[in-house]
Amino acid sequence: MNENRFYIYALLDPRKPGRYEYGDICFLYEPFYIGKGTERRCYDHFKPSQIKKCKNPHLCRKISKIQKNNQKIIIL
């Protein structure tokens, strides 16, 4: 069994550059979501089926607005 199957990821808004510091962590774009996942979880947020049945309306609206501007969300 692999003990490192989980990872933490951040979704960053490419429309909002800047310096966002949280303790020892620094982002160059505004983070709007921090998640824990396995395998390809960080990409699931962008599936049309996920956006339609979204449990977090704020997150889904943010993702939709970024995509409508033809920009790509930054995943770390």
Protein backbone atom coordinates (compact mmCIF):
# COMPACT_ATOMS: atom_id res chain seq x y z
CA MET A 1 0.00 0.00 0.00
CA ASN A 2 1.33 3.42 -0.96
CA GLU A 3 1.33 5.79 2.03
CA ASN A 4 1.75 8.85 -0.23
CA ARG A 5 -1.42 8.39 -2.26
CA PHE A 6 -2.90 11.71 -1.09
CA TYR A 7 -1.67 15.17 -2.05
CA ILE A 8 -2.66 18.77 -1.33
CA TYR A 9 -3.32 21.08 -4.27
CA ALA A 10 -4.16 24.74 -4.81
CA LEU A 11 -6.21 26.32 -7.59
CA LEU A 12 -4.97 29.81 -8.49
CA ASP A 13 -6.76 32.59 -10.37
CA PRO A 14 -4.62 33.67 -13.37
CA ARG A 15 -6.53 36.99 -13.52
CA LYS A 16 -5.18 38.07 -10.13
CA PRO A 17 -1.38 38.18 -10.05
CA GLY A 18 0.34 39.31 -6.89
CA ARG A 19 2.12 38.01 -3.85
CA TYR A 20 -0.13 35.99 -1.55
CA GLU A 21 1.65 34.74 1.55
CA TYR A 22 0.32 32.26 4.08
CA GLY A 23 2.97 31.45 6.65
CA ASP A 24 5.88 29.84 4.78
CA ILE A 25 3.88 29.43 1.56
CA CYS A 26 3.85 32.11 -1.14
CA PHE A 27 1.70 32.11 -4.27
CA LEU A 28 2.19 34.42 -7.26
CA TYR A 29 -1.53 34.37 -8.09
CA GLU A 30 -4.55 34.49 -5.80
CA PRO A 31 -5.45 31.03 -4.48
CA PHE A 32 -9.19 30.39 -4.41
CA TYR A 33 -9.31 26.72 -3.48
CA ILE A 34 -7.12 24.32 -1.50
CA GLY A 35 -7.96 20.65 -1.75
CA LYS A 36 -6.82 17.16 -0.86
CA GLY A 37 -6.92 14.50 -3.52
CA THR A 38 -5.68 11.30 -5.03
CA GLU A 39 -4.90 10.47 -8.64
CA ARG A 40 -6.47 13.15 -10.91
CA ARG A 41 -8.76 14.77 -8.34
CA CYS A 42 -7.46 18.30 -8.99
CA TYR A 43 -8.76 18.08 -12.59
CA ASP A 44 -12.25 16.87 -11.64
CA HIS A 45 -13.32 20.44 -10.83
CA PHE A 46 -13.20 21.34 -14.53
CA LYS A 47 -15.44 18.57 -15.87
CA PRO A 48 -18.74 19.94 -17.23
CA SER A 49 -20.64 17.27 -15.31
CA GLN A 50 -19.05 18.43 -12.03
CA ILE A 51 -19.85 22.08 -12.71
CA LYS A 52 -23.53 21.27 -13.39
CA LYS A 53 -24.02 19.35 -10.14
CA CYS A 54 -21.67 21.47 -8.09
CA LYS A 55 -22.03 21.42 -4.31
CA ASN A 56 -19.98 24.62 -3.94
CA PRO A 57 -21.66 27.32 -6.08
CA HIS A 58 -18.97 29.92 -5.33
CA LEU A 59 -16.22 27.60 -6.57
CA CYS A 60 -18.15 26.65 -9.71
CA ARG A 61 -18.94 30.27 -10.60
CA LYS A 62 -15.28 31.20 -10.18
CA ILE A 63 -14.12 28.33 -12.40
CA SER A 64 -16.74 29.18 -15.05
CA LYS A 65 -15.76 32.87 -15.12
CA ILE A 66 -12.07 32.06 -15.54
CA GLN A 67 -12.82 29.59 -18.33
CA LYS A 68 -15.13 32.06 -20.11
CA ASN A 69 -12.19 34.50 -20.22
CA ASN A 70 -10.25 31.80 -22.12
CA GLN A 71 -7.74 31.51 -19.31
CA LYS A 72 -6.45 28.40 -17.61
CA ILE A 73 -6.63 27.90 -13.88
CA ILE A 74 -3.20 27.33 -12.37
CA ILE A 75 -2.88 24.09 -10.42
CA LEU A 76 -0.10 23.62 -7.88
